[in-house]
Amino acid sequence: MILGHRGIMSKFPENTLDSFKEARKRRLGIEFDVLLTKDNVVVCCHDENLFRLTGKNINLSKIPFSKLCNLKIKKEIKYYSKIYKYQKENKFCSLEEVIEELGDIFMNIEIKTYKAYNLEYKKKLCDLVVNIINYRKLKKYILSSFDIEIVEYLESKGIKCIFICMDYIENNYSKIINVVNYNENQKNIVGAYNVENTNTNLKYLIMDC
C-alpha cells in the first residue's frame, strides 16, 4: 500500500485537506503528523514553529485553534532542498476534520513530538488522538511515532503503535517489532519511506508524491 507523505505535496501544501483529498483521487492512503494547539485541539501539522509554513514566528502549542484557523499556509514552501509552489494559500485542519472528510481511506497517523514536550504533553496528545479515533469509529489506520515514550505509553494501554527509527536498533527495544524505515539488514519491518527497490515484503510504502 502506497501512502502519500503528508498527502500530495507536489500539488497542495502538506498536511492539508486539499493535499489529502488529492491522495484519495489517486487511490492512495495518506501519512500525516499530528500536534496539539494551546487549547488541546489535535491538528495536522509537522512543525511546532509555524514560520516555514506561514512566515509567522509562532509556536503551534502557544496558540488556540481559532487563531490557527486565521493563519494562511503560504503559496511557496521549502521542504528540505525543494521549493514547492502552489496556486493559492491554504489552511490548517484538525484530525477530526480529516476523519470526517476522508475516513474511508487508509491513514498513517504519526504522533509528532519535539524535545520541549514533556511526558504529560505526550500522554495528553496520545489520549486525545485515540479518543477521536474511537469516537469517529475510524477503522483503516495505523499509529506511528519517532518517540519511544509515546510508543511505550500506547502499548501499555494495549494500543498498537509503530516505532519509526532512522537507524534500526537490533536489541535496544525488544518489545518494538514494527519499524517503518528501510535498512537492508533489518528484520521485522512493516513499511518504508521513499524506497523504490526492495525485496522486503512491505505492508506500507510512504512516498513523497
N, C-alpha and C. Protein backbone atom coordinates (compact mmCIF):
# COMPACT_ATOMS: atom_id res chain seq x y z
N MET A 1 0.83 -1.19 0.00
CA MET A 1 0.00 0.00 0.00
C MET A 1 0.88 1.25 0.00
N ILE A 2 0.61 2.15 -0.93
CA ILE A 2 1.38 3.40 -1.00
C ILE A 2 0.62 4.50 -0.27
N LEU A 3 1.34 5.23 0.58
CA LEU A 3 0.77 6.33 1.35
C LEU A 3 1.44 7.64 0.93
N GLY A 4 0.65 8.64 0.61
CA GLY A 4 1.21 9.94 0.27
C GLY A 4 1.75 10.61 1.52
N HIS A 5 3.06 10.93 1.51
CA HIS A 5 3.71 11.55 2.66
C HIS A 5 3.21 12.97 2.85
N ARG A 6 2.46 13.20 3.92
CA ARG A 6 1.80 14.48 4.21
C ARG A 6 0.78 14.83 3.12
N GLY A 7 0.26 13.80 2.45
CA GLY A 7 -0.67 13.99 1.34
C GLY A 7 0.09 14.04 0.02
N ILE A 8 -0.38 14.87 -0.88
CA ILE A 8 0.29 15.04 -2.19
C ILE A 8 0.91 16.43 -2.21
N MET A 9 2.14 16.51 -1.71
CA MET A 9 2.80 17.82 -1.54
C MET A 9 3.14 18.48 -2.86
N SER A 10 3.26 17.71 -3.93
CA SER A 10 3.58 18.30 -5.23
C SER A 10 2.42 19.12 -5.79
N LYS A 11 1.23 18.89 -5.25
CA LYS A 11 0.02 19.54 -5.76
C LYS A 11 -0.55 20.57 -4.79
N PHE A 12 -0.56 20.21 -3.49
CA PHE A 12 -1.13 21.08 -2.46
C PHE A 12 -0.22 21.09 -1.24
N PRO A 13 -0.30 22.14 -0.40
CA PRO A 13 0.56 22.20 0.79
C PRO A 13 0.38 20.98 1.70
N GLU A 14 1.46 20.60 2.34
CA GLU A 14 1.50 19.42 3.20
C GLU A 14 0.47 19.48 4.32
N ASN A 15 -0.04 18.30 4.66
CA ASN A 15 -0.93 18.14 5.82
C ASN A 15 -2.18 19.02 5.77
N THR A 16 -2.71 19.22 4.56
CA THR A 16 -3.96 19.98 4.40
C THR A 16 -5.03 19.06 3.81
N LEU A 17 -6.28 19.45 3.99
CA LEU A 17 -7.38 18.66 3.44
C LEU A 17 -7.26 18.52 1.93
N ASP A 18 -6.87 19.60 1.25
CA ASP A 18 -6.71 19.53 -0.21
C ASP A 18 -5.65 18.50 -0.60
N SER A 19 -4.56 18.47 0.14
CA SER A 19 -3.48 17.52 -0.13
C SER A 19 -3.95 16.08 0.09
N PHE A 20 -4.73 15.88 1.13
CA PHE A 20 -5.25 14.54 1.43
C PHE A 20 -6.31 14.11 0.42
N LYS A 21 -7.16 15.04 0.00
CA LYS A 21 -8.19 14.72 -0.98
C LYS A 21 -7.57 14.34 -2.33
N GLU A 22 -6.45 14.99 -2.64
CA GLU A 22 -5.75 14.65 -3.88
C GLU A 22 -5.22 13.22 -3.82
N ALA A 23 -4.75 12.81 -2.65
CA ALA A 23 -4.29 11.42 -2.49
C ALA A 23 -5.45 10.44 -2.72
N ARG A 24 -6.61 10.77 -2.20
CA ARG A 24 -7.77 9.89 -2.42
C ARG A 24 -8.12 9.80 -3.90
N LYS A 25 -8.02 10.92 -4.62
CA LYS A 25 -8.28 10.90 -6.06
C LYS A 25 -7.34 9.93 -6.77
N ARG A 26 -6.11 9.83 -6.26
CA ARG A 26 -5.11 8.95 -6.87
C ARG A 26 -5.16 7.54 -6.28
N ARG A 27 -6.15 7.30 -5.44
CA ARG A 27 -6.36 5.99 -4.81
C ARG A 27 -5.18 5.58 -3.92
N LEU A 28 -4.65 6.56 -3.21
CA LEU A 28 -3.56 6.33 -2.27
C LEU A 28 -4.07 6.52 -0.84
N GLY A 29 -3.36 5.93 0.12
CA GLY A 29 -3.57 6.26 1.51
C GLY A 29 -2.80 7.54 1.84
N ILE A 30 -2.86 7.96 3.09
CA ILE A 30 -2.16 9.18 3.49
C ILE A 30 -1.39 8.95 4.79
N GLU A 31 -0.27 9.65 4.88
CA GLU A 31 0.52 9.72 6.11
C GLU A 31 0.53 11.18 6.51
N PHE A 32 0.31 11.45 7.81
CA PHE A 32 0.36 12.85 8.26
C PHE A 32 0.72 12.92 9.73
N ASP A 33 1.13 14.12 10.15
CA ASP A 33 1.59 14.37 11.51
C ASP A 33 0.50 15.05 12.32
N VAL A 34 0.49 14.78 13.62
CA VAL A 34 -0.46 15.48 14.50
C VAL A 34 0.26 16.08 15.70
N LEU A 35 -0.19 17.28 16.07
CA LEU A 35 0.32 18.01 17.23
C LEU A 35 -0.87 18.68 17.93
N LEU A 36 -0.61 19.30 19.08
CA LEU A 36 -1.66 19.96 19.85
C LEU A 36 -1.54 21.48 19.80
N THR A 37 -2.69 22.15 19.74
CA THR A 37 -2.74 23.60 19.93
C THR A 37 -2.79 23.90 21.42
N LYS A 38 -2.77 25.17 21.75
CA LYS A 38 -2.80 25.59 23.16
C LYS A 38 -4.06 25.10 23.87
N ASP A 39 -5.17 25.07 23.14
CA ASP A 39 -6.43 24.64 23.74
C ASP A 39 -6.73 23.16 23.46
N ASN A 40 -5.66 22.40 23.20
CA ASN A 40 -5.73 20.93 23.11
C ASN A 40 -6.59 20.41 21.96
N VAL A 41 -6.53 21.09 20.83
CA VAL A 41 -7.13 20.56 19.61
C VAL A 41 -6.03 19.83 18.84
N VAL A 42 -6.33 18.59 18.40
CA VAL A 42 -5.36 17.81 17.64
C VAL A 42 -5.42 18.28 16.19
N VAL A 43 -4.29 18.80 15.70
CA VAL A 43 -4.25 19.34 14.34
C VAL A 43 -3.19 18.62 13.51
N CYS A 44 -3.38 18.68 12.20
CA CYS A 44 -2.44 18.06 11.27
C CYS A 44 -1.35 19.06 10.93
N CYS A 45 -0.18 18.83 11.49
CA CYS A 45 0.93 19.76 11.28
C CYS A 45 2.23 19.06 11.66
N HIS A 46 3.27 19.28 10.88
CA HIS A 46 4.58 18.69 11.16
C HIS A 46 5.42 19.56 12.08
N ASP A 47 5.29 20.88 11.96
CA ASP A 47 6.19 21.82 12.63
C ASP A 47 5.57 22.40 13.90
N GLU A 48 6.37 22.44 14.98
CA GLU A 48 5.95 23.16 16.18
C GLU A 48 5.99 24.67 15.91
N ASN A 49 7.06 25.14 15.29
CA ASN A 49 7.14 26.56 14.92
C ASN A 49 6.60 26.72 13.50
N LEU A 50 5.74 27.68 13.31
CA LEU A 50 4.98 27.79 12.06
C LEU A 50 5.61 28.72 11.02
N PHE A 51 6.86 29.15 11.25
CA PHE A 51 7.46 30.11 10.33
C PHE A 51 7.61 29.55 8.92
N ARG A 52 8.07 28.31 8.79
CA ARG A 52 8.29 27.72 7.46
C ARG A 52 6.98 27.68 6.67
N LEU A 53 5.89 27.43 7.35
CA LEU A 53 4.60 27.25 6.66
C LEU A 53 3.84 28.56 6.47
N THR A 54 3.98 29.48 7.42
CA THR A 54 3.15 30.69 7.38
C THR A 54 3.93 32.00 7.26
N GLY A 55 5.23 31.96 7.54
CA GLY A 55 6.01 33.19 7.59
C GLY A 55 5.87 33.91 8.92
N LYS A 56 5.12 33.33 9.85
CA LYS A 56 4.92 33.91 11.18
C LYS A 56 5.71 33.11 12.21
N ASN A 57 6.49 33.80 13.05
CA ASN A 57 7.29 33.13 14.07
C ASN A 57 6.42 32.83 15.29
N ILE A 58 5.57 31.80 15.14
CA ILE A 58 4.60 31.44 16.17
C ILE A 58 4.73 29.95 16.45
N ASN A 59 4.68 29.58 17.72
CA ASN A 59 4.68 28.16 18.08
C ASN A 59 3.25 27.65 18.17
N LEU A 60 3.02 26.51 17.56
CA LEU A 60 1.69 25.92 17.49
C LEU A 60 1.10 25.70 18.88
N SER A 61 1.91 25.22 19.80
CA SER A 61 1.41 24.89 21.14
C SER A 61 1.09 26.12 21.98
N LYS A 62 1.39 27.31 21.45
CA LYS A 62 1.15 28.56 22.20
C LYS A 62 -0.08 29.31 21.71
N ILE A 63 -0.76 28.79 20.69
CA ILE A 63 -1.94 29.50 20.17
C ILE A 63 -3.15 28.57 20.14
N PRO A 64 -4.36 29.14 20.33
CA PRO A 64 -5.57 28.32 20.25
C PRO A 64 -5.91 27.98 18.80
N PHE A 65 -6.77 26.99 18.65
CA PHE A 65 -7.15 26.55 17.31
C PHE A 65 -7.81 27.67 16.51
N SER A 66 -8.59 28.51 17.17
CA SER A 66 -9.26 29.61 16.46
C SER A 66 -8.25 30.55 15.79
N LYS A 67 -7.13 30.80 16.47
CA LYS A 67 -6.10 31.66 15.88
C LYS A 67 -5.37 30.93 14.76
N LEU A 68 -5.15 29.63 14.94
CA LEU A 68 -4.50 28.84 13.87
C LEU A 68 -5.34 28.88 12.60
N CYS A 69 -6.65 28.82 12.75
CA CYS A 69 -7.54 28.83 11.59
C CYS A 69 -7.45 30.14 10.81
N ASN A 70 -7.02 31.21 11.48
CA ASN A 70 -6.88 32.50 10.81
C ASN A 70 -5.55 32.66 10.09
N LEU A 71 -4.62 31.75 10.35
CA LEU A 71 -3.32 31.80 9.66
C LEU A 71 -3.41 31.11 8.31
N LYS A 72 -2.74 31.65 7.33
CA LYS A 72 -2.73 31.07 5.99
C LYS A 72 -1.40 30.35 5.73
N ILE A 73 -1.49 29.18 5.15
CA ILE A 73 -0.29 28.46 4.72
C ILE A 73 0.16 29.06 3.39
N LYS A 74 1.43 29.39 3.30
CA LYS A 74 1.97 30.14 2.16
C LYS A 74 1.83 29.39 0.83
N LYS A 75 1.93 30.15 -0.25
CA LYS A 75 1.90 29.55 -1.59
C LYS A 75 3.24 28.98 -2.01
N GLU A 76 4.29 29.27 -1.23
CA GLU A 76 5.63 28.75 -1.53
C GLU A 76 6.24 28.21 -0.25
N ILE A 77 6.55 26.91 -0.24
CA ILE A 77 7.02 26.25 0.98
C ILE A 77 8.30 25.47 0.69
N LYS A 78 9.27 25.65 1.56
CA LYS A 78 10.52 24.89 1.43
C LYS A 78 10.37 23.55 2.14
N TYR A 79 10.78 22.50 1.45
CA TYR A 79 10.77 21.15 2.02
C TYR A 79 12.15 20.55 1.75
N TYR A 80 13.01 20.60 2.78
CA TYR A 80 14.42 20.22 2.63
C TYR A 80 15.03 21.02 1.48
N SER A 81 15.53 20.38 0.44
CA SER A 81 16.18 21.13 -0.64
C SER A 81 15.19 21.57 -1.72
N LYS A 82 13.94 21.17 -1.61
CA LYS A 82 12.93 21.50 -2.61
C LYS A 82 12.15 22.75 -2.22
N ILE A 83 11.64 23.43 -3.23
CA ILE A 83 10.70 24.51 -3.02
C ILE A 83 9.41 24.15 -3.76
N TYR A 84 8.33 24.00 -3.02
CA TYR A 84 7.04 23.72 -3.63
C TYR A 84 6.27 25.03 -3.81
N LYS A 85 5.71 25.22 -5.00
CA LYS A 85 4.93 26.43 -5.29
C LYS A 85 3.50 26.02 -5.61
N TYR A 86 2.55 26.77 -5.02
CA TYR A 86 1.14 26.43 -5.16
C TYR A 86 0.35 27.61 -5.73
N GLN A 87 -0.83 27.32 -6.25
CA GLN A 87 -1.65 28.35 -6.87
C GLN A 87 -2.31 29.26 -5.85
N LYS A 88 -2.54 28.75 -4.66
CA LYS A 88 -3.24 29.56 -3.66
C LYS A 88 -2.76 29.22 -2.25
N GLU A 89 -3.04 30.12 -1.33
CA GLU A 89 -2.78 29.84 0.07
C GLU A 89 -3.74 28.76 0.56
N ASN A 90 -3.43 28.14 1.68
CA ASN A 90 -4.28 27.08 2.20
C ASN A 90 -4.44 27.26 3.71
N LYS A 91 -5.13 26.33 4.35
CA LYS A 91 -5.38 26.47 5.78
C LYS A 91 -5.10 25.16 6.51
N PHE A 92 -4.92 25.27 7.81
CA PHE A 92 -4.68 24.11 8.66
C PHE A 92 -6.00 23.38 8.91
N CYS A 93 -5.87 22.12 9.30
CA CYS A 93 -7.06 21.34 9.58
C CYS A 93 -6.85 20.49 10.84
N SER A 94 -7.93 20.11 11.46
CA SER A 94 -7.87 19.26 12.64
C SER A 94 -7.97 17.79 12.25
N LEU A 95 -7.56 16.92 13.17
CA LEU A 95 -7.70 15.47 12.94
C LEU A 95 -9.17 15.11 12.76
N GLU A 96 -10.05 15.72 13.53
CA GLU A 96 -11.48 15.42 13.39
C GLU A 96 -11.98 15.75 11.99
N GLU A 97 -11.55 16.87 11.45
CA GLU A 97 -11.97 17.26 10.10
C GLU A 97 -11.49 16.24 9.07
N VAL A 98 -10.27 15.78 9.22
CA VAL A 98 -9.71 14.82 8.26
C VAL A 98 -10.49 13.51 8.30
N ILE A 99 -10.77 13.01 9.49
CA ILE A 99 -11.51 11.75 9.60
C ILE A 99 -12.94 11.92 9.08
N GLU A 100 -13.56 13.06 9.37
CA GLU A 100 -14.92 13.30 8.90
C GLU A 100 -14.98 13.33 7.38
N GLU A 101 -13.98 13.96 6.75
CA GLU A 101 -13.96 14.11 5.29
C GLU A 101 -13.42 12.87 4.57
N LEU A 102 -12.46 12.20 5.21
CA LEU A 102 -11.70 11.17 4.50
C LEU A 102 -11.57 9.87 5.27
N GLY A 103 -12.55 9.57 6.09
CA GLY A 103 -12.48 8.38 6.92
C GLY A 103 -12.52 7.08 6.16
N ASP A 104 -12.74 7.15 4.85
CA ASP A 104 -12.82 5.94 4.03
C ASP A 104 -11.47 5.50 3.48
N ILE A 105 -10.41 6.32 3.64
CA ILE A 105 -9.10 5.92 3.11
C ILE A 105 -8.15 5.56 4.25
N PHE A 106 -7.09 4.83 3.93
CA PHE A 106 -6.15 4.37 4.96
C PHE A 106 -5.28 5.54 5.42
N MET A 107 -5.07 5.62 6.75
CA MET A 107 -4.29 6.71 7.33
C MET A 107 -3.16 6.18 8.21
N ASN A 108 -1.98 6.73 8.02
CA ASN A 108 -0.88 6.54 8.97
C ASN A 108 -0.78 7.84 9.75
N ILE A 109 -1.23 7.80 11.00
CA ILE A 109 -1.24 9.00 11.84
C ILE A 109 0.02 9.00 12.69
N GLU A 110 0.96 9.89 12.32
CA GLU A 110 2.21 9.97 13.08
C GLU A 110 2.06 10.96 14.23
N ILE A 111 2.23 10.46 15.43
CA ILE A 111 2.13 11.31 16.62
C ILE A 111 3.48 11.99 16.82
N LYS A 112 3.51 13.28 16.54
CA LYS A 112 4.76 14.05 16.48
C LYS A 112 5.13 14.60 17.86
N THR A 113 6.41 14.66 18.16
CA THR A 113 6.86 15.35 19.37
C THR A 113 8.17 16.06 19.09
N TYR A 114 8.48 17.01 19.98
CA TYR A 114 9.75 17.72 19.94
C TYR A 114 10.36 17.72 21.34
N LYS A 115 11.63 18.07 21.43
CA LYS A 115 12.37 17.96 22.69
C LYS A 115 11.73 18.75 23.82
N ALA A 116 11.08 19.85 23.49
CA ALA A 116 10.49 20.70 24.52
C ALA A 116 9.25 20.08 25.16
N TYR A 117 8.71 19.05 24.55
CA TYR A 117 7.47 18.46 25.06
C TYR A 117 7.77 17.48 26.18
N ASN A 118 7.06 17.62 27.29
CA ASN A 118 7.27 16.69 28.40
C ASN A 118 6.33 15.49 28.27
N LEU A 119 6.48 14.54 29.19
CA LEU A 119 5.71 13.30 29.11
C LEU A 119 4.21 13.57 29.28
N GLU A 120 3.87 14.55 30.10
CA GLU A 120 2.45 14.89 30.29
C GLU A 120 1.82 15.32 28.97
N TYR A 121 2.54 16.17 28.21
CA TYR A 121 2.06 16.60 26.89
C TYR A 121 1.87 15.40 25.97
N LYS A 122 2.87 14.52 25.94
CA LYS A 122 2.82 13.37 25.05
C LYS A 122 1.63 12.47 25.37
N LYS A 123 1.39 12.22 26.65
CA LYS A 123 0.26 11.37 27.05
C LYS A 123 -1.06 12.03 26.67
N LYS A 124 -1.15 13.35 26.87
CA LYS A 124 -2.38 14.07 26.52
C LYS A 124 -2.65 13.97 25.02
N LEU A 125 -1.61 14.17 24.22
CA LEU A 125 -1.76 14.07 22.77
C LEU A 125 -2.22 12.67 22.37
N CYS A 126 -1.57 11.66 22.92
CA CYS A 126 -1.94 10.27 22.61
C CYS A 126 -3.40 10.00 22.98
N ASP A 127 -3.79 10.40 24.18
CA ASP A 127 -5.15 10.13 24.66
C ASP A 127 -6.19 10.82 23.77
N LEU A 128 -5.91 12.04 23.38
CA LEU A 128 -6.85 12.77 22.53
C LEU A 128 -6.96 12.14 21.15
N VAL A 129 -5.83 11.73 20.59
CA VAL A 129 -5.85 11.07 19.28
C VAL A 129 -6.69 9.79 19.34
N VAL A 130 -6.44 8.98 20.35
CA VAL A 130 -7.17 7.72 20.49
C VAL A 130 -8.66 7.97 20.72
N ASN A 131 -9.00 8.97 21.52
CA ASN A 131 -10.40 9.31 21.77
C ASN A 131 -11.12 9.71 20.49
N ILE A 132 -10.45 10.51 19.66
CA ILE A 132 -11.04 10.95 18.39
C ILE A 132 -11.25 9.76 17.47
N ILE A 133 -10.23 8.89 17.37
CA ILE A 133 -10.34 7.70 16.52
C ILE A 133 -11.51 6.82 16.96
N ASN A 134 -11.63 6.61 18.26
CA ASN A 134 -12.71 5.77 18.78
C ASN A 134 -14.08 6.42 18.58
N TYR A 135 -14.17 7.72 18.84
CA TYR A 135 -15.44 8.43 18.68
C TYR A 135 -15.91 8.42 17.24
N ARG A 136 -14.95 8.61 16.33
CA ARG A 136 -15.28 8.65 14.90
C ARG A 136 -15.34 7.25 14.28
N LYS A 137 -15.02 6.23 15.07
CA LYS A 137 -15.05 4.83 14.64
C LYS A 137 -14.20 4.60 13.39
N LEU A 138 -13.00 5.21 13.41
CA LEU A 138 -12.07 5.03 12.30
C LEU A 138 -11.56 3.60 12.29
N LYS A 139 -11.54 2.97 11.12
CA LYS A 139 -11.17 1.56 11.02
C LYS A 139 -9.82 1.35 10.32
N LYS A 140 -9.58 2.12 9.26
CA LYS A 140 -8.40 1.87 8.41
C LYS A 140 -7.27 2.84 8.77
N TYR A 141 -6.45 2.47 9.75
CA TYR A 141 -5.39 3.37 10.19
C TYR A 141 -4.31 2.59 10.93
N ILE A 142 -3.15 3.22 11.05
CA ILE A 142 -2.11 2.81 11.98
C ILE A 142 -1.63 4.06 12.70
N LEU A 143 -1.12 3.89 13.91
CA LEU A 143 -0.45 4.96 14.64
C LEU A 143 1.05 4.72 14.56
N SER A 144 1.82 5.81 14.51
CA SER A 144 3.27 5.67 14.47
C SER A 144 3.90 6.86 15.18
N SER A 145 5.17 6.70 15.58
CA SER A 145 5.89 7.79 16.23
C SER A 145 7.38 7.52 16.24
N PHE A 146 8.16 8.60 16.20
CA PHE A 146 9.61 8.50 16.39
C PHE A 146 9.95 8.46 17.88
N ASP A 147 8.99 8.72 18.74
CA ASP A 147 9.23 8.88 20.17
C ASP A 147 8.93 7.58 20.91
N ILE A 148 9.94 6.98 21.50
CA ILE A 148 9.77 5.69 22.17
C ILE A 148 8.84 5.80 23.37
N GLU A 149 8.81 6.97 24.03
CA GLU A 149 7.91 7.15 25.17
C GLU A 149 6.45 7.07 24.73
N ILE A 150 6.16 7.62 23.57
CA ILE A 150 4.81 7.55 23.03
C ILE A 150 4.43 6.11 22.69
N VAL A 151 5.35 5.41 22.03
CA VAL A 151 5.09 4.02 21.65
C VAL A 151 4.83 3.17 22.89
N GLU A 152 5.69 3.32 23.90
CA GLU A 152 5.55 2.52 25.12
C GLU A 152 4.28 2.89 25.89
N TYR A 153 3.94 4.18 25.91
CA TYR A 153 2.72 4.60 26.61
C TYR A 153 1.48 3.98 25.95
N LEU A 154 1.40 4.05 24.63
CA LEU A 154 0.26 3.49 23.93
C LEU A 154 0.20 1.97 24.10
N GLU A 155 1.36 1.32 24.00
CA GLU A 155 1.36 -0.14 24.15
C GLU A 155 1.00 -0.56 25.57
N SER A 156 1.30 0.28 26.56
CA SER A 156 0.90 -0.02 27.94
C SER A 156 -0.61 0.01 28.10
N LYS A 157 -1.29 0.69 27.17
CA LYS A 157 -2.75 0.76 27.19
C LYS A 157 -3.37 -0.22 26.19
N GLY A 158 -2.51 -1.09 25.64
CA GLY A 158 -2.99 -2.10 24.69
C GLY A 158 -3.25 -1.56 23.30
N ILE A 159 -2.63 -0.44 22.96
CA ILE A 159 -2.84 0.20 21.66
C ILE A 159 -1.57 0.06 20.82
N LYS A 160 -1.70 -0.49 19.65
CA LYS A 160 -0.56 -0.71 18.76
C LYS A 160 -0.04 0.61 18.19
N CYS A 161 1.26 0.80 18.24
CA CYS A 161 1.89 1.98 17.65
C CYS A 161 3.22 1.58 17.04
N ILE A 162 3.42 1.91 15.78
CA ILE A 162 4.66 1.57 15.09
C ILE A 162 5.77 2.53 15.52
N PHE A 163 6.90 1.97 15.88
CA PHE A 163 8.07 2.78 16.23
C PHE A 163 8.86 3.07 14.95
N ILE A 164 9.02 4.35 14.65
CA ILE A 164 9.79 4.76 13.47
C ILE A 164 11.20 5.10 13.91
N CYS A 165 12.21 4.55 13.25
CA CYS A 165 13.58 4.95 13.59
C CYS A 165 14.39 5.10 12.32
N MET A 166 15.32 6.05 12.35
CA MET A 166 16.16 6.30 11.19
C MET A 166 17.19 5.20 11.01
N ASP A 167 17.68 4.65 12.10
CA ASP A 167 18.64 3.55 12.06
C ASP A 167 18.11 2.45 12.95
N TYR A 168 18.01 1.28 12.40
CA TYR A 168 17.43 0.18 13.16
C TYR A 168 18.33 -0.21 14.34
N ILE A 169 17.73 -0.36 15.50
CA ILE A 169 18.46 -0.74 16.71
C ILE A 169 18.08 -2.17 17.05
N GLU A 170 19.03 -3.08 16.94
CA GLU A 170 18.73 -4.51 16.99
C GLU A 170 18.12 -4.97 18.30
N ASN A 171 18.69 -4.55 19.43
CA ASN A 171 18.27 -5.12 20.70
C ASN A 171 17.71 -4.13 21.71
N ASN A 172 17.86 -2.85 21.46
CA ASN A 172 17.51 -1.86 22.48
C ASN A 172 16.03 -1.87 22.85
N TYR A 173 15.18 -2.08 21.86
CA TYR A 173 13.75 -2.05 22.11
C TYR A 173 13.15 -3.38 21.69
N SER A 174 13.32 -4.38 22.53
CA SER A 174 12.92 -5.73 22.17
C SER A 174 11.41 -5.86 21.97
N LYS A 175 10.63 -4.99 22.65
CA LYS A 175 9.18 -5.07 22.52
C LYS A 175 8.69 -4.49 21.19
N ILE A 176 9.50 -3.63 20.59
CA ILE A 176 9.06 -2.93 19.39
C ILE A 176 9.51 -3.71 18.17
N ILE A 177 8.56 -4.32 17.47
CA ILE A 177 8.94 -5.15 16.32
C ILE A 177 8.55 -4.51 14.99
N ASN A 178 7.79 -3.41 15.04
CA ASN A 178 7.35 -2.77 13.81
C ASN A 178 8.14 -1.48 13.58
N VAL A 179 8.88 -1.44 12.51
CA VAL A 179 9.75 -0.30 12.22
C VAL A 179 9.45 0.17 10.80
N VAL A 180 9.37 1.49 10.61
CA VAL A 180 8.99 2.00 9.30
C VAL A 180 10.16 2.13 8.35
N ASN A 181 11.28 2.66 8.81
CA ASN A 181 12.36 2.93 7.87
C ASN A 181 13.07 1.67 7.39
N TYR A 182 13.52 1.72 6.14
CA TYR A 182 14.11 0.55 5.50
C TYR A 182 15.63 0.50 5.69
N ASN A 183 16.10 -0.69 5.97
CA ASN A 183 17.54 -0.95 6.02
C ASN A 183 17.75 -2.36 5.51
N GLU A 184 18.75 -2.57 4.70
CA GLU A 184 18.91 -3.85 4.01
C GLU A 184 19.00 -5.04 4.95
N ASN A 185 19.60 -4.84 6.12
CA ASN A 185 19.78 -5.94 7.05
C ASN A 185 18.71 -5.99 8.15
N GLN A 186 17.69 -5.20 7.98
CA GLN A 186 16.70 -5.02 9.04
C GLN A 186 15.67 -6.15 9.06
N LYS A 187 15.23 -6.51 10.24
CA LYS A 187 14.21 -7.54 10.40
C LYS A 187 12.93 -6.92 10.94
N ASN A 188 11.83 -7.60 10.71
CA ASN A 188 10.54 -7.24 11.29
C ASN A 188 10.07 -5.83 10.91
N ILE A 189 10.33 -5.40 9.68
CA ILE A 189 9.85 -4.09 9.28
C ILE A 189 8.50 -4.24 8.58
N VAL A 190 7.66 -3.25 8.73
CA VAL A 190 6.35 -3.28 8.09
C VAL A 190 6.21 -2.22 7.01
N GLY A 191 7.12 -1.27 6.98
CA GLY A 191 6.99 -0.21 5.99
C GLY A 191 8.30 0.49 5.72
N ALA A 192 8.28 1.36 4.73
CA ALA A 192 9.49 2.07 4.35
C ALA A 192 9.11 3.44 3.81
N TYR A 193 10.11 4.32 3.76
CA TYR A 193 9.90 5.68 3.29
C TYR A 193 10.76 5.93 2.06
N ASN A 194 10.12 6.26 0.94
CA ASN A 194 10.81 6.60 -0.31
C ASN A 194 11.81 5.53 -0.75
N VAL A 195 11.41 4.28 -0.70
CA VAL A 195 12.24 3.18 -1.18
C VAL A 195 11.62 2.67 -2.48
N GLU A 196 12.43 2.59 -3.53
CA GLU A 196 11.90 2.16 -4.82
C GLU A 196 12.14 0.68 -5.09
N ASN A 197 13.28 0.16 -4.67
CA ASN A 197 13.61 -1.23 -4.95
C ASN A 197 13.97 -1.96 -3.66
N THR A 198 13.15 -2.90 -3.29
CA THR A 198 13.43 -3.69 -2.10
C THR A 198 12.80 -5.06 -2.25
N ASN A 199 13.49 -6.09 -1.74
CA ASN A 199 12.94 -7.44 -1.74
C ASN A 199 12.12 -7.72 -0.49
N THR A 200 12.07 -6.75 0.42
CA THR A 200 11.34 -6.93 1.67
C THR A 200 9.84 -6.89 1.41
N ASN A 201 9.11 -7.74 2.10
CA ASN A 201 7.66 -7.77 1.98
C ASN A 201 7.07 -6.67 2.85
N LEU A 202 6.80 -5.52 2.24
CA LEU A 202 6.34 -4.36 2.97
C LEU A 202 4.82 -4.24 2.92
N LYS A 203 4.23 -3.83 4.04
CA LYS A 203 2.81 -3.51 4.06
C LYS A 203 2.56 -2.08 3.60
N TYR A 204 3.46 -1.17 3.98
CA TYR A 204 3.24 0.24 3.73
C TYR A 204 4.49 0.86 3.10
N LEU A 205 4.28 1.68 2.08
CA LEU A 205 5.37 2.43 1.47
C LEU A 205 4.96 3.90 1.45
N ILE A 206 5.65 4.70 2.26
CA ILE A 206 5.34 6.14 2.36
C ILE A 206 6.21 6.87 1.32
N MET A 207 5.57 7.64 0.44
CA MET A 207 6.28 8.28 -0.66
C MET A 207 6.00 9.78 -0.68
N ASP A 208 7.03 10.57 -1.05
CA ASP A 208 6.81 11.97 -1.38
C ASP A 208 6.14 12.02 -2.74
N CYS A 209 4.92 12.50 -2.79
CA CYS A 209 4.14 12.48 -4.04
C CYS A 209 3.83 13.90 -4.51
